[in-house]
Amino acid sequence: MEFKIAYANVQGKVGVRNKGGWQEIETMLWKEKWEVLTMTETHWKEGMAKRNILGYVIHHKERKEGSKKGGGIATWIKEDIQHYVREDKTEKQTEMSWIVVETREGKKAIGTVYMGNDTKDNKVSNEKLFQELQEEIDALEKEGIGIIIIGDFNGHIAEGKGKDRNGRWLKEIIIKNNLRLGNDSDKCKG
């Protein structure tokens, strides 16, 4: 089964009260016929109402009330697609989630990741997130599950080299795990 996956870093612009942002996303969702939609930087906090989309199941993680601004991830997946959330593996991170989709070719795990800006204040938490990302990749490979990683790594890669710390860590993950960078592909729009 081939399916279309969309990703957006929405930087808080799709709050429940922001009708314009949602209308644009829902219009694109139906026009492009995406099976999976992932978002980072939803800025959702615990207890906030989440946006349901007809025909889709939502899975989300938000930052705890009182934590730093930003963050939050969400994935909508068509309700007729057989899938499950790897809850046991993602509870330790609010900025990473994994959803495993059943396909004719086998299971594929869609990981959504949000990495903080490459600053001195975020160095430790970003390094921990990259380590946990690698642990999850290793576990998925042992289980024979294919891997798709989507998100905002706040890292820069140019001419195949990481230009900053997050970019270098991301490049290391790509090379070590024989992954492809999708946003330099002609299949990637935007």
Protein backbone atom coordinates (compact mmCIF):
# COMPACT_ATOMS: atom_id res chain seq x y z
CA MET A 1 0.00 0.00 0.00
CA GLU A 2 1.37 3.37 -0.98
CA PHE A 3 0.09 6.29 0.97
CA LYS A 4 0.55 10.03 0.95
CA ILE A 5 1.99 11.63 4.04
CA ALA A 6 1.85 15.36 4.70
CA TYR A 7 3.91 17.24 7.26
CA ALA A 8 3.64 20.78 8.56
CA ASN A 9 5.41 22.77 11.23
CA VAL A 10 2.46 24.93 12.20
CA GLN A 11 4.14 27.06 14.89
CA GLY A 12 0.91 27.27 16.88
CA LYS A 13 -1.10 28.64 13.96
CA VAL A 14 -3.72 25.88 14.07
CA GLY A 15 -5.16 26.33 17.51
CA VAL A 16 -8.78 25.34 17.95
CA ARG A 17 -9.75 29.03 17.67
CA ASN A 18 -7.69 29.66 14.52
CA LYS A 19 -10.29 28.80 11.89
CA GLY A 20 -8.26 30.08 8.91
CA GLY A 21 -5.31 27.79 9.57
CA TRP A 22 -7.60 24.78 9.96
CA GLN A 23 -9.63 25.54 6.86
CA GLU A 24 -6.46 25.71 4.78
CA ILE A 25 -5.19 22.41 6.18
CA GLU A 26 -8.51 20.59 5.81
CA THR A 27 -8.91 21.86 2.24
CA MET A 28 -5.44 20.54 1.37
CA LEU A 29 -6.15 17.28 3.20
CA TRP A 30 -9.19 16.54 1.05
CA LYS A 31 -7.72 17.95 -2.19
CA GLU A 32 -4.43 16.04 -1.94
CA LYS A 33 -6.02 12.90 -0.44
CA TRP A 34 -3.40 12.48 2.28
CA GLU A 35 -3.71 9.32 4.33
CA VAL A 36 -1.48 10.66 7.09
CA LEU A 37 -0.99 14.24 8.30
CA THR A 38 1.70 15.01 10.87
CA MET A 39 2.37 18.33 12.59
CA THR A 40 4.98 19.73 14.90
CA GLU A 41 4.83 22.84 17.07
CA THR A 42 1.09 22.56 17.66
CA HIS A 43 1.69 24.51 20.92
CA TRP A 44 -1.02 22.37 22.52
CA LYS A 45 -0.86 22.03 26.27
CA GLU A 46 -2.48 19.48 28.57
CA GLY A 47 -6.23 19.90 28.73
CA MET A 48 -6.59 21.92 25.52
CA ALA A 49 -9.26 20.79 23.06
CA LYS A 50 -7.80 19.02 20.01
CA ARG A 51 -9.02 19.30 16.43
CA ASN A 52 -10.87 16.27 15.10
CA ILE A 53 -11.03 15.75 11.35
CA LEU A 54 -13.89 13.68 9.93
CA GLY A 55 -12.64 10.27 8.74
CA TYR A 56 -9.33 10.53 10.64
CA VAL A 57 -8.06 9.36 14.01
CA ILE A 58 -5.84 11.78 15.92
CA HIS A 59 -2.82 10.87 18.07
CA HIS A 60 -1.03 13.69 19.85
CA LYS A 61 1.47 14.63 22.48
CA GLU A 62 1.55 17.98 24.13
CA ARG A 63 3.80 19.69 26.59
CA LYS A 64 2.75 19.82 30.19
CA GLU A 65 1.14 23.03 31.43
CA GLY A 66 3.84 25.35 32.74
CA SER A 67 6.60 23.91 30.53
CA LYS A 68 8.44 26.02 27.99
CA LYS A 69 6.57 27.51 25.05
CA GLY A 70 6.22 25.71 21.72
CA GLY A 71 6.51 22.04 20.92
CA GLY A 72 3.69 19.55 20.67
CA ILE A 73 3.16 16.97 17.93
CA ALA A 74 0.08 15.46 16.33
CA THR A 75 -0.70 12.85 13.69
CA TRP A 76 -4.00 12.28 11.94
CA ILE A 77 -4.38 8.98 10.12
CA LYS A 78 -7.32 7.79 8.03
CA GLU A 79 -9.54 5.69 10.23
CA ASP A 80 -9.66 2.83 7.70
CA ILE A 81 -5.87 2.35 7.87
CA GLN A 82 -4.87 -0.36 10.32
CA HIS A 83 -2.34 1.11 12.75
CA TYR A 84 -1.23 1.31 16.34
CA VAL A 85 0.73 3.72 18.51
CA ARG A 86 3.95 2.52 20.11
CA GLU A 87 2.92 3.95 23.48
CA ASP A 88 5.42 1.91 25.44
CA LYS A 89 8.31 3.36 23.44
CA THR A 90 7.24 7.01 23.28
CA GLU A 91 6.08 7.84 26.79
CA LYS A 92 9.53 9.09 27.72
CA GLN A 93 9.48 11.79 25.06
CA THR A 94 6.83 14.43 24.46
CA GLU A 95 8.55 15.51 21.25
CA MET A 96 8.59 12.12 19.50
CA SER A 97 5.84 9.65 18.63
CA TRP A 98 5.68 6.47 16.56
CA ILE A 99 2.66 5.08 14.74
CA VAL A 100 2.98 1.69 13.04
CA VAL A 101 0.93 1.23 9.88
CA GLU A 102 0.03 -2.16 8.41
CA THR A 103 0.81 -2.32 4.66
CA ARG A 104 0.91 -5.10 2.07
CA GLU A 105 4.71 -4.85 2.17
CA GLY A 106 4.77 -5.18 5.95
CA LYS A 107 4.73 -2.80 8.86
CA LYS A 108 6.00 0.78 8.52
CA ALA A 109 6.63 3.01 11.52
CA ILE A 110 5.99 6.71 11.05
CA GLY A 111 8.00 8.69 13.57
CA THR A 112 7.19 12.34 14.16
CA VAL A 113 9.93 14.36 15.86
CA TYR A 114 10.28 17.93 17.04
CA MET A 115 13.79 19.03 17.99
CA GLY A 116 14.47 22.30 19.84
CA ASN A 117 16.56 25.02 18.23
CA ASP A 118 20.29 24.39 18.18
CA THR A 119 21.14 26.51 21.22
CA LYS A 120 23.31 26.01 24.26
CA ASP A 121 20.15 25.73 26.43
CA ASN A 122 18.76 22.89 24.27
CA LYS A 123 22.00 20.94 23.77
CA VAL A 124 21.37 18.33 26.50
CA SER A 125 17.69 17.74 25.68
CA ASN A 126 18.40 17.59 21.94
CA GLU A 127 21.25 15.13 22.44
CA LYS A 128 18.97 12.96 24.60
CA LEU A 129 16.24 13.07 21.95
CA PHE A 130 18.70 12.01 19.21
CA GLN A 131 19.89 9.11 21.43
CA GLU A 132 16.30 8.01 22.06
CA LEU A 133 15.56 8.34 18.34
CA GLN A 134 18.46 6.00 17.57
CA GLU A 135 17.28 3.54 20.26
CA GLU A 136 13.82 3.48 18.69
CA ILE A 137 15.26 2.97 15.19
CA ASP A 138 17.34 0.06 16.51
CA ALA A 139 14.26 -1.52 18.16
CA LEU A 140 12.15 -1.12 15.01
CA GLU A 141 14.86 -2.65 12.83
CA LYS A 142 15.11 -5.65 15.19
CA GLU A 143 11.35 -6.12 14.79
CA GLY A 144 11.63 -5.89 10.99
CA ILE A 145 9.53 -2.72 10.81
CA GLY A 146 10.28 -0.16 8.08
CA ILE A 147 11.01 3.40 9.17
CA ILE A 148 9.77 6.81 8.04
CA ILE A 149 10.89 9.78 10.16
CA ILE A 150 9.20 13.15 9.74
CA GLY A 151 9.62 16.35 11.65
CA ASP A 152 11.45 19.51 12.46
CA PHE A 153 15.01 18.82 13.55
CA ASN A 154 15.99 22.49 13.57
CA GLY A 155 19.16 21.31 11.87
CA HIS A 156 20.69 22.38 8.61
CA ILE A 157 22.23 20.09 6.04
CA ALA A 158 23.88 21.50 2.93
CA GLU A 159 25.82 19.59 0.28
CA GLY A 160 25.47 16.47 2.39
CA LYS A 161 27.13 17.96 5.48
CA GLY A 162 25.60 19.01 8.78
CA LYS A 163 26.09 22.76 9.13
CA ASP A 164 25.22 22.93 12.83
CA ARG A 165 25.03 20.50 15.77
CA ASN A 166 21.46 19.34 15.03
CA GLY A 167 22.32 19.06 11.33
CA ARG A 168 25.39 16.93 12.14
CA TRP A 169 23.35 14.68 14.47
CA LEU A 170 20.64 14.31 11.83
CA LYS A 171 23.20 13.49 9.13
CA GLU A 172 24.74 10.89 11.46
CA ILE A 173 21.31 9.23 11.97
CA ILE A 174 20.68 9.24 8.20
CA ILE A 175 24.05 7.66 7.37
CA LYS A 176 24.13 5.15 10.25
CA ASN A 177 20.66 3.83 9.41
CA ASN A 178 20.87 4.03 5.62
CA LEU A 179 17.95 6.47 5.48
CA ARG A 180 17.13 9.00 2.75
CA LEU A 181 16.54 12.69 3.31
CA GLY A 182 13.11 13.28 1.80
CA ASN A 183 12.94 17.03 1.53
CA ASP A 184 15.61 17.08 -1.14
CA SER A 185 13.50 14.70 -3.25
CA ASP A 186 11.28 15.78 -6.16
CA LYS A 187 8.42 13.95 -4.36
CA CYS A 188 8.56 16.55 -1.61
CA LYS A 189 6.46 19.67 -2.15
CA GLY A 190 7.04 22.78 -0.09
